[in-house]
Protein backbone atom coordinates (compact mmCIF):
# COMPACT_ATOMS: atom_id res chain seq x y z
CA MET A 1 22.39 16.47 -37.84
CA GLY A 2 24.71 14.74 -38.92
CA HIS A 3 25.98 13.21 -35.68
CA LEU A 4 21.90 11.95 -35.49
CA SER A 5 21.94 10.58 -38.77
CA ASN A 6 25.19 8.91 -38.12
CA ILE A 7 23.65 7.76 -34.70
CA TYR A 8 20.28 6.41 -36.78
CA ARG A 9 22.04 4.63 -39.15
CA LEU A 10 24.27 2.70 -37.02
CA GLY A 11 21.40 1.58 -35.12
CA VAL A 12 19.73 0.18 -38.20
CA LYS A 13 22.54 -1.69 -38.88
CA GLU A 14 22.47 -2.99 -35.41
CA LEU A 15 19.29 -4.13 -36.27
CA ARG A 16 19.92 -5.84 -39.44
CA SER A 17 22.65 -7.58 -37.85
CA LEU A 18 20.41 -8.61 -35.50
CA TRP A 19 17.65 -10.10 -37.33
CA HIS A 20 20.43 -12.21 -39.52
CA ASP A 21 21.55 -13.61 -36.13
CA ARG A 22 18.99 -16.08 -35.81
CA VAL A 23 19.63 -17.78 -32.70
CA MET A 24 19.69 -14.43 -30.85
CA PHE A 25 16.40 -13.85 -32.41
CA ILE A 26 14.79 -16.92 -31.37
CA PHE A 27 16.20 -16.40 -27.63
CA ILE A 28 14.57 -12.91 -27.65
CA ILE A 29 11.19 -14.21 -28.93
CA TRP A 30 11.12 -17.21 -26.75
CA ALA A 31 12.19 -15.08 -23.37
CA PHE A 32 9.33 -12.83 -23.84
CA SER A 33 6.83 -15.48 -24.87
CA GLY A 34 7.16 -19.42 -23.59
CA GLY A 35 9.64 -18.68 -21.34
CA ILE A 36 6.76 -16.00 -19.49
CA TYR A 37 4.34 -19.04 -19.75
CA ALA A 38 6.73 -21.65 -18.60
CA ILE A 39 7.92 -19.66 -15.68
CA ALA A 40 4.37 -18.18 -15.10
CA THR A 41 2.53 -21.85 -15.02
CA ALA A 42 5.20 -24.66 -14.35
CA SER A 43 6.97 -23.12 -11.25
CA SER A 44 3.53 -23.10 -9.22
CA GLN A 45 4.36 -22.40 -5.44
CA GLU A 46 0.93 -23.46 -4.35
CA LEU A 47 0.84 -26.88 -3.09
CA HIS A 48 -0.43 -28.94 -5.98
CA ASN A 49 -0.61 -32.79 -6.27
CA ALA A 50 1.70 -33.31 -3.07
CA PRO A 51 2.22 -37.21 -2.84
CA ILE A 52 0.98 -38.25 0.76
CA ALA A 53 0.79 -41.26 2.85
CA CYS A 54 -1.19 -42.66 6.26
CA VAL A 55 -0.13 -44.82 8.71
CA ASP A 56 -3.52 -45.86 10.09
CA GLU A 57 -2.94 -47.54 13.76
CA ASP A 58 -6.06 -46.87 14.88
CA HIS A 59 -8.69 -48.05 12.41
CA SER A 60 -11.45 -46.02 13.62
CA ALA A 61 -14.33 -43.95 12.16
CA LEU A 62 -12.31 -40.50 13.13
CA SER A 63 -8.90 -41.73 11.64
CA SER A 64 -10.66 -42.96 8.26
CA ARG A 65 -12.34 -39.75 8.52
CA ILE A 66 -9.04 -37.68 8.54
CA ILE A 67 -7.46 -40.05 5.77
CA ASP A 68 -10.57 -38.99 3.52
CA ALA A 69 -9.87 -35.48 4.22
CA PHE A 70 -6.97 -35.59 2.23
CA TYR A 71 -7.50 -35.22 -1.73
CA GLY A 72 -7.11 -32.76 -4.79
CA PRO A 73 -5.63 -30.45 -6.08
CA TYR A 74 -3.57 -30.06 -3.11
CA PHE A 75 -2.67 -33.80 -2.14
CA LYS A 76 -2.75 -37.04 -4.22
CA THR A 77 -5.06 -39.77 -3.19
CA PRO A 78 -3.37 -40.92 0.08
CA ASP A 79 -1.48 -44.07 0.05
CA THR A 80 -1.72 -46.26 3.21
CA MET A 81 1.30 -47.86 4.59
CA GLU A 82 2.70 -49.91 7.58
CA LEU A 83 4.76 -48.42 10.43
CA ASN A 84 8.06 -49.63 9.15
CA GLU A 85 7.48 -48.23 5.77
CA ILE A 86 7.72 -44.70 6.76
CA ASP A 87 11.51 -43.91 6.29
CA PRO A 88 11.87 -46.17 3.48
CA GLY A 89 9.30 -44.19 1.42
CA LEU A 90 10.35 -40.97 2.44
CA ASP A 91 14.01 -41.50 1.93
CA ALA A 92 13.06 -42.64 -1.71
CA GLY A 93 11.27 -39.73 -2.43
CA ALA A 94 8.39 -41.40 -2.80
CA TYR A 95 5.78 -39.41 -0.40
CA THR A 96 6.22 -35.80 0.68
CA PHE A 97 4.15 -36.20 3.70
CA VAL A 98 3.28 -39.00 5.79
CA VAL A 99 0.66 -38.99 8.47
CA ASN A 100 0.79 -41.95 11.83
CA ILE A 101 -2.60 -42.12 13.32
CA PRO A 102 -1.10 -43.99 16.80
CA PRO A 103 -3.62 -46.91 18.33
CA ASP A 104 -7.04 -45.77 20.19
CA PHE A 105 -6.63 -42.18 18.71
CA GLU A 106 -10.21 -42.06 18.50
CA LYS A 107 -10.93 -43.24 21.87
CA SER A 108 -8.20 -40.84 23.60
CA VAL A 109 -9.79 -37.60 21.50
CA LEU A 110 -13.19 -38.69 23.06
CA ASN A 111 -11.67 -39.11 26.77
CA ASN A 112 -9.94 -36.03 25.95
CA SER A 113 -6.92 -37.08 26.43
CA HIS A 114 -4.97 -34.83 23.67
CA PRO A 115 -3.72 -37.15 21.84
CA ASP A 116 -1.06 -36.70 19.29
CA ILE A 117 -0.60 -37.45 15.39
CA GLN A 118 2.99 -37.01 13.84
CA ILE A 119 3.73 -35.67 10.78
CA ASN A 120 6.46 -36.76 9.12
CA VAL A 121 7.65 -34.53 6.27
CA ASP A 122 10.07 -34.61 3.76
CA ALA A 123 11.85 -30.93 3.98
CA THR A 124 14.07 -31.37 1.23
CA GLN A 125 11.03 -30.36 -0.86
CA MET A 126 11.34 -27.24 0.95
CA THR A 127 8.37 -25.04 -0.28
CA GLN A 128 5.36 -27.89 -0.38
CA ALA A 129 7.18 -29.07 3.15
CA PHE A 130 6.43 -25.32 4.42
CA ILE A 131 2.61 -25.03 3.05
CA GLY A 132 1.88 -28.69 3.25
CA SER A 133 2.57 -29.26 6.71
CA SER A 134 -0.14 -25.91 7.61
CA TYR A 135 -2.61 -27.46 5.03
CA ILE A 136 -2.19 -30.70 7.11
CA GLN A 137 -2.58 -29.56 10.18
CA SER A 138 -5.39 -27.43 9.39
CA ILE A 139 -7.06 -30.22 7.52
CA ILE A 140 -6.55 -32.43 10.87
CA ASN A 141 -8.06 -29.56 12.99
CA GLY A 142 -10.81 -29.00 11.27
CA GLU A 143 -12.03 -32.90 10.84
CA LEU A 144 -11.33 -33.21 14.92
CA THR A 145 -13.53 -30.11 15.59
CA GLU A 146 -16.68 -31.45 13.58
CA PHE A 147 -16.03 -34.54 14.70
CA VAL A 148 -16.08 -33.63 18.64
CA GLN A 149 -18.47 -30.74 18.88
CA GLY A 150 -20.49 -31.83 15.49
CA ARG A 151 -19.72 -28.66 13.35
CA ARG A 152 -16.60 -27.28 11.65
CA SER A 153 -16.21 -23.61 13.00
CA SER A 154 -14.18 -23.43 16.00
CA THR A 155 -15.21 -21.87 19.17
CA GLU A 156 -15.67 -18.10 19.12
CA LEU A 157 -13.13 -15.86 19.71
CA PRO A 158 -13.93 -12.25 21.49
CA VAL A 159 -11.61 -10.52 18.54
CA SER A 160 -11.77 -11.82 14.88
CA LEU A 161 -8.93 -11.20 12.75
CA ALA A 162 -9.96 -10.47 8.86
CA THR A 163 -7.30 -10.91 6.41
CA ARG A 164 -7.31 -8.82 3.07
CA VAL A 165 -4.97 -9.83 0.41
CA MET A 166 -4.31 -6.39 -1.78
CA PHE A 167 -3.51 -6.72 -5.45
CA ASN A 168 -3.86 -10.87 -5.82
CA PRO A 169 -6.46 -11.85 -3.55
CA ASN A 170 -6.18 -15.40 -4.79
CA LEU A 171 -2.25 -15.60 -3.91
CA THR A 172 -1.91 -16.64 -7.55
CA SER A 173 1.37 -17.40 -8.48
CA SER A 174 0.99 -17.01 -11.84
CA TRP A 175 0.20 -13.25 -11.35
CA PHE A 176 3.50 -12.88 -9.47
CA GLY A 177 6.13 -14.63 -11.66
CA SER A 178 5.06 -13.74 -15.15
CA VAL A 179 5.20 -10.14 -14.26
CA MET A 180 8.82 -10.40 -12.85
CA GLU A 181 10.23 -12.51 -15.12
CA ILE A 182 9.37 -9.83 -17.69
CA ILE A 183 11.13 -7.35 -15.25
CA ASN A 184 13.93 -9.71 -15.17
CA ASN A 185 14.37 -10.54 -18.85
CA ILE A 186 14.18 -6.95 -19.35
CA SER A 187 17.56 -6.35 -17.58
CA MET A 188 19.02 -9.69 -18.91
CA LEU A 189 18.69 -9.27 -22.34
CA SER A 190 19.37 -5.64 -22.77
CA ILE A 191 22.65 -6.66 -21.33
CA ILE A 192 23.36 -9.99 -23.12
CA LEU A 193 22.14 -7.68 -26.66
CA THR A 194 24.82 -4.88 -25.97
CA GLY A 195 27.42 -6.88 -24.76
CA ALA A 196 27.07 -9.17 -27.46
CA ALA A 197 26.65 -6.72 -30.16
CA LEU A 198 30.08 -4.91 -29.07
CA ILE A 199 32.15 -8.53 -29.02
CA ARG A 200 30.12 -9.08 -32.59
CA GLU A 201 31.96 -5.82 -33.79
CA ARG A 202 35.17 -6.76 -33.12
CA GLU A 203 34.98 -10.48 -33.66
CA HIS A 204 34.15 -9.86 -37.33
CA GLY A 205 36.14 -7.00 -37.87
CA THR A 206 33.72 -5.03 -38.65
CA LEU A 207 34.82 -2.67 -35.71
CA GLU A 208 37.57 -1.45 -37.73
CA HIS A 209 35.82 -0.48 -40.37
CA LEU A 210 33.72 1.87 -38.01
CA LEU A 211 37.15 3.15 -36.99
CA VAL A 212 38.30 4.53 -40.55
CA MET A 213 34.65 6.52 -41.00
CA PRO A 214 34.22 9.73 -39.42
CA LEU A 215 32.56 8.61 -36.19
CA ASN A 216 33.26 8.82 -32.83
CA ALA A 217 32.75 6.78 -29.49
CA VAL A 218 29.81 8.56 -28.46
CA GLU A 219 27.87 7.66 -31.73
CA ILE A 220 28.55 4.31 -31.83
CA MET A 221 27.77 3.82 -28.17
CA LEU A 222 24.01 5.56 -28.53
CA ALA A 223 23.46 3.88 -31.76
CA LYS A 224 23.75 0.41 -29.92
CA VAL A 225 22.14 1.81 -26.83
CA TRP A 226 19.00 2.91 -28.61
CA SER A 227 18.75 -0.38 -31.03
CA MET A 228 19.18 -2.90 -28.62
CA GLY A 229 16.85 -1.16 -25.85
CA LEU A 230 14.54 -0.62 -28.67
CA VAL A 231 14.33 -4.39 -29.58
CA VAL A 232 13.64 -5.41 -25.60
CA LEU A 233 11.04 -2.42 -25.14
CA ILE A 234 8.90 -3.96 -27.91
CA ALA A 235 9.64 -7.28 -26.77
CA ALA A 236 8.53 -6.81 -23.47
CA GLY A 237 5.75 -4.63 -24.40
CA CYS A 238 4.20 -7.38 -26.66
CA SER A 239 4.91 -9.89 -23.76
CA LEU A 240 3.21 -7.76 -21.04
CA TYR A 241 -0.08 -7.10 -23.49
CA PHE A 242 -0.51 -10.46 -25.28
CA MET A 243 1.32 -13.20 -23.04
CA VAL A 244 0.45 -11.85 -19.73
CA GLN A 245 -2.64 -10.01 -20.05
CA GLY A 246 -3.87 -11.96 -23.18
CA VAL A 247 -2.84 -15.48 -22.42
CA LEU A 248 -2.46 -15.79 -18.39
CA GLN A 249 -5.32 -13.59 -17.69
CA VAL A 250 -3.09 -11.56 -15.44
CA PRO A 251 -4.73 -8.57 -14.39
CA ILE A 252 -2.60 -5.03 -14.54
CA ALA A 253 -3.58 -2.58 -12.02
CA GLY A 254 -1.23 0.63 -13.08
CA SER A 255 -0.79 2.54 -16.50
CA ILE A 256 1.35 0.39 -19.08
CA PRO A 257 2.56 3.60 -20.99
CA LEU A 258 4.04 4.80 -17.68
CA PHE A 259 6.02 1.21 -16.67
CA MET A 260 7.37 1.47 -20.66
CA PHE A 261 8.75 4.81 -20.02
CA GLY A 262 10.44 3.88 -16.67
CA ALA A 263 11.74 0.67 -18.33
CA ALA A 264 13.14 3.04 -21.31
CA LEU A 265 15.06 4.94 -18.66
CA HIS A 266 16.32 1.62 -17.08
CA LEU A 267 17.46 0.33 -20.54
CA PHE A 268 19.71 3.29 -20.81
CA SER A 269 21.40 1.76 -17.58
CA THR A 270 21.47 -1.68 -18.77
CA THR A 271 22.73 -1.13 -22.29
CA SER A 272 25.37 1.04 -20.67
CA LEU A 273 26.41 -1.55 -18.20
CA GLY A 274 26.33 -3.99 -21.30
CA ILE A 275 28.59 -2.04 -23.48
CA LEU A 276 31.00 -1.47 -20.50
CA MET A 277 30.71 -5.09 -19.93
CA GLY A 278 31.45 -5.70 -23.70
CA THR A 279 34.24 -3.88 -23.64
CA THR A 280 36.11 -5.31 -20.90
CA ALA A 281 35.34 -9.00 -21.99
CA ARG A 282 37.53 -9.78 -25.19
CA ASN A 283 35.03 -12.68 -25.76
CA MET A 284 31.77 -14.50 -26.24
CA PRO A 285 32.75 -16.85 -23.25
CA GLN A 286 34.32 -14.06 -21.01
CA LEU A 287 31.08 -11.99 -21.33
CA GLY A 288 29.14 -15.09 -20.50
CA LEU A 289 31.41 -15.34 -16.85
CA LEU A 290 31.14 -11.67 -16.47
CA MET A 291 27.05 -11.92 -16.68
CA ILE A 292 27.43 -14.76 -14.16
CA LEU A 293 28.92 -12.71 -12.03
CA ILE A 294 27.00 -9.17 -12.48
CA ILE A 295 23.34 -10.31 -13.63
CA LEU A 296 22.52 -12.90 -10.85
CA PRO A 297 23.30 -10.57 -7.96
CA LEU A 298 21.63 -7.73 -9.36
CA GLN A 299 18.34 -10.12 -9.96
CA MET A 300 18.68 -11.73 -6.57
CA LEU A 301 19.44 -8.75 -4.71
CA SER A 302 16.98 -6.28 -6.40
CA GLY A 303 13.73 -7.33 -3.95
CA GLY A 304 12.22 -9.16 -6.99
CA ILE A 305 12.88 -12.76 -5.29
CA THR A 306 13.23 -11.48 -1.89
CA PRO A 307 12.14 -8.61 0.47
CA ARG A 308 14.98 -6.15 0.65
CA GLU A 309 13.73 -5.09 4.32
CA SER A 310 14.76 -9.20 4.71
CA MET A 311 18.58 -7.95 3.71
CA PRO A 312 20.90 -6.76 5.77
CA ASP A 313 21.26 -3.26 5.91
CA ILE A 314 24.87 -3.66 4.33
CA VAL A 315 23.46 -5.26 1.07
CA GLN A 316 20.60 -3.27 0.90
CA ASP A 317 22.64 0.17 1.00
CA ILE A 318 25.12 -1.49 -1.99
CA MET A 319 22.10 -2.18 -3.75
CA LEU A 320 20.79 1.22 -3.80
CA LEU A 321 23.47 1.67 -6.73
CA ALA A 322 22.25 -1.29 -8.69
CA PRO A 323 19.37 0.53 -11.42
CA THR A 324 17.56 -3.05 -10.97
CA THR A 325 16.60 -2.01 -7.11
CA HIS A 326 14.73 1.34 -8.58
CA PHE A 327 13.49 -0.79 -11.55
CA VAL A 328 12.00 -3.61 -9.75
CA SER A 329 10.49 -0.78 -7.04
CA PHE A 330 9.04 1.37 -9.66
CA ALA A 331 7.61 -1.68 -11.70
CA GLN A 332 5.98 -3.43 -8.89
CA ALA A 333 4.56 -0.15 -7.94
CA ILE A 334 3.05 1.09 -11.17
CA LEU A 335 2.00 -2.89 -12.26
CA TYR A 336 0.59 -4.27 -8.92
CA ARG A 337 -0.66 -1.49 -6.70
CA GLY A 338 -1.71 1.21 -9.35
CA ALA A 339 1.09 3.80 -8.21
CA GLY A 340 1.24 7.26 -10.72
CA LEU A 341 4.31 9.59 -11.97
CA GLU A 342 3.71 11.18 -8.15
CA VAL A 343 4.94 8.13 -6.37
CA VAL A 344 7.39 6.61 -8.65
CA TRP A 345 9.66 9.53 -9.90
CA PRO A 346 11.98 9.39 -7.20
CA SER A 347 12.96 6.10 -8.83
CA PHE A 348 13.27 7.23 -12.14
CA LEU A 349 15.50 10.01 -11.10
CA ALA A 350 17.37 7.48 -9.38
CA ILE A 351 17.56 5.38 -12.89
CA ILE A 352 18.58 8.33 -14.47
CA ALA A 353 21.50 9.18 -12.00
CA ILE A 354 22.89 5.74 -12.43
CA GLY A 355 22.55 5.57 -16.15
CA MET A 356 24.32 8.27 -16.62
CA VAL A 357 27.28 7.10 -14.52
CA PHE A 358 26.94 3.51 -16.55
CA PHE A 359 27.23 5.27 -19.72
CA LEU A 360 29.98 7.70 -19.02
CA SER A 361 31.92 4.92 -17.37
CA ALA A 362 31.41 2.51 -20.95
CA LEU A 363 32.15 5.72 -22.80
CA ALA A 364 35.70 6.57 -21.36
CA LEU A 365 36.38 2.48 -21.53
CA PHE A 366 35.09 2.14 -25.15
CA ARG A 367 37.44 5.46 -26.44
CA ARG A 368 40.54 3.46 -24.28
CA SER A 369 39.82 0.21 -25.98
CA LEU A 370 39.51 2.28 -29.61
CA ALA A 371 42.79 4.24 -29.32
CA SER A 372 44.61 1.14 -27.83
CA SER A 373 43.39 -0.82 -30.99
């Protein structure tokens, strides 16, 4: 009971220190509120108000019809330009797409001569270029079909392809972006808070005060783990309920308590990693450099940004040793697909095992640093 009391009181001390560190406190609030909203709404992956221009060398009813088919919210109102203005307009970044309709286009279509329309794309706008090119081809094909056949639908094929999009029927990027930002922030902030808490002890000289007290390294570490983990867990839960479900109206398919339980297991791993990094780094700038080297690969290769199946096999195997891989896996399964404990328990066990390795490694290094102090 004495050890538990020490762990509790040290943890309360950490919470009070965090409360007085207003910059860090405001950063946590922003990361789970305004940051979530900004990522979900400002970085949309859909085509929206793409700048487009058209070169109409045909001046026919069909060419006018095609130009008028580009409208919001996908495209801005098309500008008209001359042929020699295409390259300057694209080079200046004024347009992402320029559609060039050649002379006698309508006549060639009616004569069934299969004329070509040139679509010039600024591929430096990679996401818009990829999506927008498909939109433009679909719009032009639809207008041509309706002009020639008198109806919008194309020829009926003997086999029909029915596409059913699960979990996100409208492919709304905010549904994906908001939840993934919470998942990423849980990992990032838990490492930052525990690492910064340990370095703050060293910089303020309070670590020496702890050494003269009847405390051991396990109690000091567990106090930082539970206090900083609790802060991140509460912030994530509030963000999930009030920001994601309330403000952004994102539906959650699965059990939030089950996700929070898994997040708590994950926080044991990441807070232990934060202590390991805080023990290795001697000051805040060094911790920042370590964060760049560790956090970016953990987040980019965890499967939250790109599918793990698209990565090389060796990268997939190595990332199985990272807690973020299993965290992203069960978080998406629970929140997107409504998976239960019977599906995600292997990921839970993997995170517990990885967390124990991180904790014991951090404990050994922390004890060594205390002995040399």
